[in-house]
Amino acid sequence: MIELPDTDPLVSYLTTELADYAPLEEALIENIAFAVRYFLTNEQTPEPYPSELLAILSARALNALGYRSNAMEFLHAQIPDPKKQALFRPFILSERFDRRIWNLIQADVLSHYDGMMKDQRRASWVLDLSRVPRGHDVLDLTIYLSLRKLLEMFGPVWEAESGDFCLHFRGLPRQNGPDEPSATQLMDYMRNLMQDMAVRAGWMQHPELLSLDLSIHLS
């Protein structure tokens, strides 16, 4: 986290940080910093601001101006962890990014899977429903609509992999009555969603889906 005293405005801080990575005039760099400030204010993001969020927003602004390589260089300098870079990069290029997506990222709802894999070359992710913050409106709907919404919100990550990835699910809701879907039914539903995404996007590869809760491999 970065705490900003009243005498050190966010715009001045970001202008200094961006100067080494953006081949732009100072006034334009300041405009990028103001754009970050506008996002934080518009999304009602409380201070202290997470340094990773500031890096993502600044890199997004650079990319929007056509400086993609500089945006990625800035992101990598600010966030040296390769696993986090792999998660954040798609959102530098994506059209949509808001506080709801950031809250899910910050809560580690989506993270890298570090377990054993049949194919170590494939990207591997964990979508942990138990980490969705309480009160988050993603899961205020029916479970089917909630799962669809989560998968769509992380769509830039799937698109970046062109379907060549493995997605593990953890924390699926338990079936508490005969009218509620079982974990197997939920996994089948998500397989169908991913299949539809693959067809619409024209992916050459189709993702694998696994349930860590049930130790069932559903492909």
C-alpha atoms as a PDB file:
ATOM      1  CA  MET A   1       0.000   0.000   0.000  1.00  0.00           C
ATOM      2  CA  ILE A   2       1.084   3.578  -0.660  1.00  0.00           C
ATOM      3  CA  GLU A   3      -0.056   6.214   1.815  1.00  0.00           C
ATOM      4  CA  LEU A   4      -0.010   9.710   0.390  1.00  0.00           C
ATOM      5  CA  PRO A   5       0.296  12.652   2.745  1.00  0.00           C
ATOM      6  CA  ASP A   6      -1.621  15.817   1.952  1.00  0.00           C
ATOM      7  CA  THR A   7       1.589  17.511   0.831  1.00  0.00           C
ATOM      8  CA  ASP A   8       2.420  14.770  -1.696  1.00  0.00           C
ATOM      9  CA  PRO A   9      -0.488  14.508  -4.167  1.00  0.00           C
ATOM     10  CA  LEU A  10      -1.051  11.338  -6.105  1.00  0.00           C
ATOM     11  CA  VAL A  11      -0.573  13.118  -9.407  1.00  0.00           C
ATOM     12  CA  SER A  12       2.931  14.262  -8.446  1.00  0.00           C
ATOM     13  CA  TYR A  13       3.858  10.764  -7.279  1.00  0.00           C
ATOM     14  CA  LEU A  14       2.674   9.096 -10.495  1.00  0.00           C
ATOM     15  CA  THR A  15       4.250  11.747 -12.686  1.00  0.00           C
ATOM     16  CA  THR A  16       7.616  10.982 -11.110  1.00  0.00           C
ATOM     17  CA  GLU A  17       7.160   7.213 -11.420  1.00  0.00           C
ATOM     18  CA  LEU A  18       6.080   7.405 -15.058  1.00  0.00           C
ATOM     19  CA  ALA A  19       8.792   9.779 -16.227  1.00  0.00           C
ATOM     20  CA  ASP A  20      11.378   7.007 -16.692  1.00  0.00           C
ATOM     21  CA  TYR A  21       9.077   4.807 -18.785  1.00  0.00           C
ATOM     22  CA  ALA A  22       6.971   7.177 -20.873  1.00  0.00           C
ATOM     23  CA  PRO A  23       8.616   9.022 -23.799  1.00  0.00           C
ATOM     24  CA  LEU A  24       6.022  11.765 -23.495  1.00  0.00           C
ATOM     25  CA  GLU A  25       5.931  15.410 -22.661  1.00  0.00           C
ATOM     26  CA  GLU A  26       5.535  16.229 -18.998  1.00  0.00           C
ATOM     27  CA  ALA A  27       2.059  17.643 -19.548  1.00  0.00           C
ATOM     28  CA  LEU A  28       0.905  14.378 -21.155  1.00  0.00           C
ATOM     29  CA  ILE A  29       2.393  12.331 -18.326  1.00  0.00           C
ATOM     30  CA  GLU A  30       0.487  14.505 -15.898  1.00  0.00           C
ATOM     31  CA  ASN A  31      -2.687  13.805 -17.880  1.00  0.00           C
ATOM     32  CA  ILE A  32      -2.074  10.081 -17.391  1.00  0.00           C
ATOM     33  CA  ALA A  33      -1.692  10.673 -13.673  1.00  0.00           C
ATOM     34  CA  PHE A  34      -4.917  12.680 -13.620  1.00  0.00           C
ATOM     35  CA  ALA A  35      -6.671   9.846 -15.472  1.00  0.00           C
ATOM     36  CA  VAL A  36      -5.591   7.456 -12.710  1.00  0.00           C
ATOM     37  CA  ARG A  37      -6.834   9.913 -10.100  1.00  0.00           C
ATOM     38  CA  TYR A  38     -10.177  10.183 -11.928  1.00  0.00           C
ATOM     39  CA  PHE A  39     -10.596   6.396 -11.941  1.00  0.00           C
ATOM     40  CA  LEU A  40      -9.871   6.139  -8.221  1.00  0.00           C
ATOM     41  CA  THR A  41     -12.285   8.939  -7.424  1.00  0.00           C
ATOM     42  CA  ASN A  42     -14.993   7.695  -9.763  1.00  0.00           C
ATOM     43  CA  GLU A  43     -14.754   4.152  -8.375  1.00  0.00           C
ATOM     44  CA  GLN A  44     -14.696   5.517  -4.803  1.00  0.00           C
ATOM     45  CA  THR A  45     -11.471   3.679  -4.029  1.00  0.00           C
ATOM     46  CA  PRO A  46     -10.390   4.367  -0.438  1.00  0.00           C
ATOM     47  CA  GLU A  47      -6.856   5.309   0.533  1.00  0.00           C
ATOM     48  CA  PRO A  48      -4.229   4.046   1.020  1.00  0.00           C
ATOM     49  CA  TYR A  49      -4.095   3.038  -2.635  1.00  0.00           C
ATOM     50  CA  PRO A  50      -2.599  -0.387  -3.445  1.00  0.00           C
ATOM     51  CA  SER A  51       0.635   0.078  -5.365  1.00  0.00           C
ATOM     52  CA  GLU A  52      -0.325  -2.743  -7.747  1.00  0.00           C
ATOM     53  CA  LEU A  53      -3.578  -0.997  -8.637  1.00  0.00           C
ATOM     54  CA  LEU A  54      -1.711   2.245  -9.363  1.00  0.00           C
ATOM     55  CA  ALA A  55       0.666   0.320 -11.618  1.00  0.00           C
ATOM     56  CA  ILE A  56      -2.190  -1.340 -13.524  1.00  0.00           C
ATOM     57  CA  LEU A  57      -4.078   1.925 -14.044  1.00  0.00           C
ATOM     58  CA  SER A  58      -0.963   3.811 -15.161  1.00  0.00           C
ATOM     59  CA  ALA A  59      -0.006   1.040 -17.582  1.00  0.00           C
ATOM     60  CA  ARG A  60      -3.561   0.970 -18.958  1.00  0.00           C
ATOM     61  CA  ALA A  61      -3.363   4.699 -19.637  1.00  0.00           C
ATOM     62  CA  LEU A  62      -0.011   4.302 -21.404  1.00  0.00           C
ATOM     63  CA  ASN A  63      -1.384   1.488 -23.538  1.00  0.00           C
ATOM     64  CA  ALA A  64      -4.461   3.532 -24.433  1.00  0.00           C
ATOM     65  CA  LEU A  65      -2.148   6.223 -25.824  1.00  0.00           C
ATOM     66  CA  GLY A  66      -0.423   3.662 -28.059  1.00  0.00           C
ATOM     67  CA  TYR A  67       2.647   3.014 -25.894  1.00  0.00           C
ATOM     68  CA  ARG A  68       2.095  -0.701 -25.290  1.00  0.00           C
ATOM     69  CA  SER A  69       5.744  -1.665 -24.871  1.00  0.00           C
ATOM     70  CA  ASN A  70       6.268   1.168 -22.387  1.00  0.00           C
ATOM     71  CA  ALA A  71       3.115   0.137 -20.556  1.00  0.00           C
ATOM     72  CA  MET A  72       4.400  -3.421 -20.144  1.00  0.00           C
ATOM     73  CA  GLU A  73       7.851  -2.193 -19.143  1.00  0.00           C
ATOM     74  CA  PHE A  74       6.293   0.005 -16.481  1.00  0.00           C
ATOM     75  CA  LEU A  75       4.093  -2.836 -15.216  1.00  0.00           C
ATOM     76  CA  HIS A  76       7.026  -5.241 -14.947  1.00  0.00           C
ATOM     77  CA  ALA A  77       9.158  -2.673 -13.149  1.00  0.00           C
ATOM     78  CA  GLN A  78       6.426  -1.924 -10.629  1.00  0.00           C
ATOM     79  CA  ILE A  79       5.316  -5.548 -10.194  1.00  0.00           C
ATOM     80  CA  PRO A  80       8.326  -7.888 -10.556  1.00  0.00           C
ATOM     81  CA  ASP A  81       6.449 -11.106  -9.655  1.00  0.00           C
ATOM     82  CA  PRO A  82       6.052 -13.066 -12.959  1.00  0.00           C
ATOM     83  CA  LYS A  83       2.868 -14.791 -11.751  1.00  0.00           C
ATOM     84  CA  LYS A  84       1.206 -11.488 -10.967  1.00  0.00           C
ATOM     85  CA  GLN A  85       2.409 -10.067 -14.264  1.00  0.00           C
ATOM     86  CA  ALA A  86       0.670 -12.923 -16.095  1.00  0.00           C
ATOM     87  CA  LEU A  87      -2.565 -12.093 -14.266  1.00  0.00           C
ATOM     88  CA  PHE A  88      -2.340  -8.320 -14.690  1.00  0.00           C
ATOM     89  CA  ARG A  89      -1.143  -8.112 -18.318  1.00  0.00           C
ATOM     90  CA  PRO A  90      -4.500  -9.023 -19.902  1.00  0.00           C
ATOM     91  CA  PHE A  91      -6.193  -6.211 -17.974  1.00  0.00           C
ATOM     92  CA  ILE A  92      -3.684  -3.703 -19.342  1.00  0.00           C
ATOM     93  CA  LEU A  93      -4.993  -4.495 -22.817  1.00  0.00           C
ATOM     94  CA  SER A  94      -8.655  -5.113 -22.002  1.00  0.00           C
ATOM     95  CA  GLU A  95     -11.437  -2.628 -22.657  1.00  0.00           C
ATOM     96  CA  ARG A  96     -13.034  -3.133 -19.263  1.00  0.00           C
ATOM     97  CA  PHE A  97     -11.514  -2.705 -15.828  1.00  0.00           C
ATOM     98  CA  ASP A  98     -13.316  -1.477 -12.724  1.00  0.00           C
ATOM     99  CA  ARG A  99     -13.207  -1.669  -8.961  1.00  0.00           C
ATOM    100  CA  ARG A 100     -15.223  -4.899  -8.877  1.00  0.00           C
ATOM    101  CA  ILE A 101     -12.608  -6.675 -10.966  1.00  0.00           C
ATOM    102  CA  TRP A 102      -9.828  -5.219  -8.821  1.00  0.00           C
ATOM    103  CA  ASN A 103     -11.559  -6.363  -5.614  1.00  0.00           C
ATOM    104  CA  LEU A 104     -11.674  -9.914  -6.959  1.00  0.00           C
ATOM    105  CA  ILE A 105      -8.009  -9.776  -7.975  1.00  0.00           C
ATOM    106  CA  GLN A 106      -6.977  -8.329  -4.615  1.00  0.00           C
ATOM    107  CA  ALA A 107      -8.865 -11.112  -2.799  1.00  0.00           C
ATOM    108  CA  ASP A 108      -6.980 -13.756  -4.827  1.00  0.00           C
ATOM    109  CA  VAL A 109     -10.207 -15.081  -6.298  1.00  0.00           C
ATOM    110  CA  LEU A 110      -8.102 -15.890  -9.365  1.00  0.00           C
ATOM    111  CA  SER A 111      -4.525 -17.056  -8.831  1.00  0.00           C
ATOM    112  CA  HIS A 112      -1.898 -19.289 -10.366  1.00  0.00           C
ATOM    113  CA  TYR A 113      -2.128 -23.016  -9.687  1.00  0.00           C
ATOM    114  CA  ASP A 114       1.155 -24.359  -8.339  1.00  0.00           C
ATOM    115  CA  GLY A 115       0.270 -28.060  -8.134  1.00  0.00           C
ATOM    116  CA  MET A 116       1.289 -30.891 -10.426  1.00  0.00           C
ATOM    117  CA  MET A 117       0.144 -30.674 -14.036  1.00  0.00           C
ATOM    118  CA  LYS A 118       0.161 -33.197 -16.847  1.00  0.00           C
ATOM    119  CA  ASP A 119       1.302 -30.484 -19.227  1.00  0.00           C
ATOM    120  CA  GLN A 120       3.546 -27.983 -17.461  1.00  0.00           C
ATOM    121  CA  ARG A 121       3.567 -25.755 -20.536  1.00  0.00           C
ATOM    122  CA  ARG A 122      -0.093 -24.824 -20.152  1.00  0.00           C
ATOM    123  CA  ALA A 123      -1.092 -21.844 -18.068  1.00  0.00           C
ATOM    124  CA  SER A 124      -2.905 -23.024 -14.970  1.00  0.00           C
ATOM    125  CA  TRP A 125      -5.282 -20.991 -12.825  1.00  0.00           C
ATOM    126  CA  VAL A 126      -7.381 -21.410  -9.682  1.00  0.00           C
ATOM    127  CA  LEU A 127     -10.774 -19.706  -9.401  1.00  0.00           C
ATOM    128  CA  ASP A 128     -11.591 -19.793  -5.687  1.00  0.00           C
ATOM    129  CA  LEU A 129     -15.232 -18.929  -5.013  1.00  0.00           C
ATOM    130  CA  SER A 130     -14.680 -19.032  -1.261  1.00  0.00           C
ATOM    131  CA  ARG A 131     -12.497 -15.910  -1.609  1.00  0.00           C
ATOM    132  CA  VAL A 132     -15.157 -13.717  -3.198  1.00  0.00           C
ATOM    133  CA  PRO A 133     -15.473 -10.819  -0.714  1.00  0.00           C
ATOM    134  CA  ARG A 134     -18.612 -10.786   1.403  1.00  0.00           C
ATOM    135  CA  GLY A 135     -21.195  -8.370   0.128  1.00  0.00           C
ATOM    136  CA  HIS A 136     -19.717  -8.517  -3.365  1.00  0.00           C
ATOM    137  CA  ASP A 137     -22.584  -8.312  -5.822  1.00  0.00           C
ATOM    138  CA  VAL A 138     -21.067 -10.978  -8.066  1.00  0.00           C
ATOM    139  CA  LEU A 139     -22.630 -13.700  -5.916  1.00  0.00           C
ATOM    140  CA  ASP A 140     -25.876 -11.948  -5.081  1.00  0.00           C
ATOM    141  CA  LEU A 141     -27.548 -13.593  -8.064  1.00  0.00           C
ATOM    142  CA  THR A 142     -28.402 -17.258  -8.629  1.00  0.00           C
ATOM    143  CA  ILE A 143     -25.341 -19.489  -8.585  1.00  0.00           C
ATOM    144  CA  TYR A 144     -25.513 -20.131 -12.330  1.00  0.00           C
ATOM    145  CA  LEU A 145     -25.640 -16.433 -13.187  1.00  0.00           C
ATOM    146  CA  SER A 146     -22.920 -15.723 -10.624  1.00  0.00           C
ATOM    147  CA  LEU A 147     -20.548 -18.259 -12.170  1.00  0.00           C
ATOM    148  CA  ARG A 148     -21.219 -16.896 -15.634  1.00  0.00           C
ATOM    149  CA  LYS A 149     -20.527 -13.375 -14.390  1.00  0.00           C
ATOM    150  CA  LEU A 150     -17.246 -14.386 -12.759  1.00  0.00           C
ATOM    151  CA  LEU A 151     -16.015 -16.183 -15.859  1.00  0.00           C
ATOM    152  CA  GLU A 152     -16.922 -13.179 -18.010  1.00  0.00           C
ATOM    153  CA  MET A 153     -15.201 -10.705 -15.672  1.00  0.00           C
ATOM    154  CA  PHE A 154     -11.960 -12.668 -15.993  1.00  0.00           C
ATOM    155  CA  GLY A 155     -12.512 -13.067 -19.739  1.00  0.00           C
ATOM    156  CA  PRO A 156      -9.382 -11.052 -20.686  1.00  0.00           C
ATOM    157  CA  VAL A 157      -7.237 -13.691 -18.935  1.00  0.00           C
ATOM    158  CA  TRP A 158      -8.823 -16.548 -20.857  1.00  0.00           C
ATOM    159  CA  GLU A 159      -8.558 -14.599 -24.102  1.00  0.00           C
ATOM    160  CA  ALA A 160      -4.864 -13.916 -23.497  1.00  0.00           C
ATOM    161  CA  GLU A 161      -4.258 -17.672 -23.324  1.00  0.00           C
ATOM    162  CA  SER A 162      -6.344 -18.340 -26.483  1.00  0.00           C
ATOM    163  CA  GLY A 163      -7.982 -21.251 -24.697  1.00  0.00           C
ATOM    164  CA  ASP A 164      -4.714 -23.044 -23.933  1.00  0.00           C
ATOM    165  CA  PHE A 165      -5.010 -23.215 -20.157  1.00  0.00           C
ATOM    166  CA  CYS A 166      -6.276 -25.267 -17.255  1.00  0.00           C
ATOM    167  CA  LEU A 167      -8.774 -23.781 -14.810  1.00  0.00           C
ATOM    168  CA  HIS A 168      -9.211 -25.275 -11.339  1.00  0.00           C
ATOM    169  CA  PHE A 169     -12.251 -24.474  -9.224  1.00  0.00           C
ATOM    170  CA  ARG A 170     -12.244 -24.328  -5.455  1.00  0.00           C
ATOM    171  CA  GLY A 171     -15.015 -23.459  -3.001  1.00  0.00           C
ATOM    172  CA  LEU A 172     -17.989 -24.470  -5.111  1.00  0.00           C
ATOM    173  CA  PRO A 173     -21.235 -24.101  -3.144  1.00  0.00           C
ATOM    174  CA  ARG A 174     -22.392 -27.321  -1.515  1.00  0.00           C
ATOM    175  CA  GLN A 175     -25.725 -28.828  -2.447  1.00  0.00           C
ATOM    176  CA  ASN A 176     -27.967 -28.181   0.549  1.00  0.00           C
ATOM    177  CA  GLY A 177     -31.216 -29.443  -0.940  1.00  0.00           C
ATOM    178  CA  PRO A 178     -32.659 -31.414  -3.860  1.00  0.00           C
ATOM    179  CA  ASP A 179     -33.499 -28.229  -5.770  1.00  0.00           C
ATOM    180  CA  GLU A 180     -29.916 -26.919  -5.664  1.00  0.00           C
ATOM    181  CA  PRO A 181     -27.312 -27.947  -8.253  1.00  0.00           C
ATOM    182  CA  SER A 182     -24.561 -30.384  -7.323  1.00  0.00           C
ATOM    183  CA  ALA A 183     -20.876 -29.548  -7.776  1.00  0.00           C
ATOM    184  CA  THR A 184     -20.776 -31.884 -10.773  1.00  0.00           C
ATOM    185  CA  GLN A 185     -23.706 -30.054 -12.374  1.00  0.00           C
ATOM    186  CA  LEU A 186     -21.972 -26.718 -11.771  1.00  0.00           C
ATOM    187  CA  MET A 187     -18.785 -27.996 -13.366  1.00  0.00           C
ATOM    188  CA  ASP A 188     -20.743 -29.223 -16.402  1.00  0.00           C
ATOM    189  CA  TYR A 189     -22.377 -25.805 -16.664  1.00  0.00           C
ATOM    190  CA  MET A 190     -18.989 -24.056 -16.619  1.00  0.00           C
ATOM    191  CA  ARG A 191     -17.601 -26.480 -19.190  1.00  0.00           C
ATOM    192  CA  ASN A 192     -20.441 -25.482 -21.499  1.00  0.00           C
ATOM    193  CA  LEU A 193     -19.776 -21.783 -20.838  1.00  0.00           C
ATOM    194  CA  MET A 194     -16.117 -22.182 -21.696  1.00  0.00           C
ATOM    195  CA  GLN A 195     -17.013 -24.172 -24.796  1.00  0.00           C
ATOM    196  CA  ASP A 196     -19.250 -21.301 -25.943  1.00  0.00           C
ATOM    197  CA  MET A 197     -16.446 -18.790 -25.259  1.00  0.00           C
ATOM    198  CA  ALA A 198     -14.006 -20.910 -27.256  1.00  0.00           C
ATOM    199  CA  VAL A 199     -16.335 -21.117 -30.246  1.00  0.00           C
ATOM    200  CA  ARG A 200     -17.163 -17.389 -30.224  1.00  0.00           C
ATOM    201  CA  ALA A 201     -13.508 -16.387 -29.887  1.00  0.00           C
ATOM    202  CA  GLY A 202     -12.223 -18.965 -32.351  1.00  0.00           C
ATOM    203  CA  TRP A 203      -9.697 -20.464 -29.930  1.00  0.00           C
ATOM    204  CA  MET A 204      -7.533 -23.215 -31.414  1.00  0.00           C
ATOM    205  CA  GLN A 205      -7.285 -24.872 -27.985  1.00  0.00           C
ATOM    206  CA  HIS A 206      -9.989 -25.640 -25.458  1.00  0.00           C
ATOM    207  CA  PRO A 207      -9.368 -25.209 -21.723  1.00  0.00           C
ATOM    208  CA  GLU A 208      -9.401 -28.006 -19.179  1.00  0.00           C
ATOM    209  CA  LEU A 209     -11.652 -27.612 -16.153  1.00  0.00           C
ATOM    210  CA  LEU A 210     -10.904 -29.341 -12.850  1.00  0.00           C
ATOM    211  CA  SER A 211     -12.553 -29.301  -9.447  1.00  0.00           C
ATOM    212  CA  LEU A 212     -10.115 -29.169  -6.546  1.00  0.00           C
ATOM    213  CA  ASP A 213     -12.988 -29.755  -4.132  1.00  0.00           C
ATOM    214  CA  LEU A 214     -13.982 -33.085  -5.589  1.00  0.00           C
ATOM    215  CA  SER A 215     -10.680 -34.204  -7.118  1.00  0.00           C
ATOM    216  CA  ILE A 216     -12.630 -34.907 -10.291  1.00  0.00           C
ATOM    217  CA  HIS A 217     -11.052 -34.263 -13.669  1.00  0.00           C
ATOM    218  CA  LEU A 218     -13.661 -32.974 -16.081  1.00  0.00           C
ATOM    219  CA  SER A 219     -12.326 -32.270 -19.542  1.00  0.00           C
END
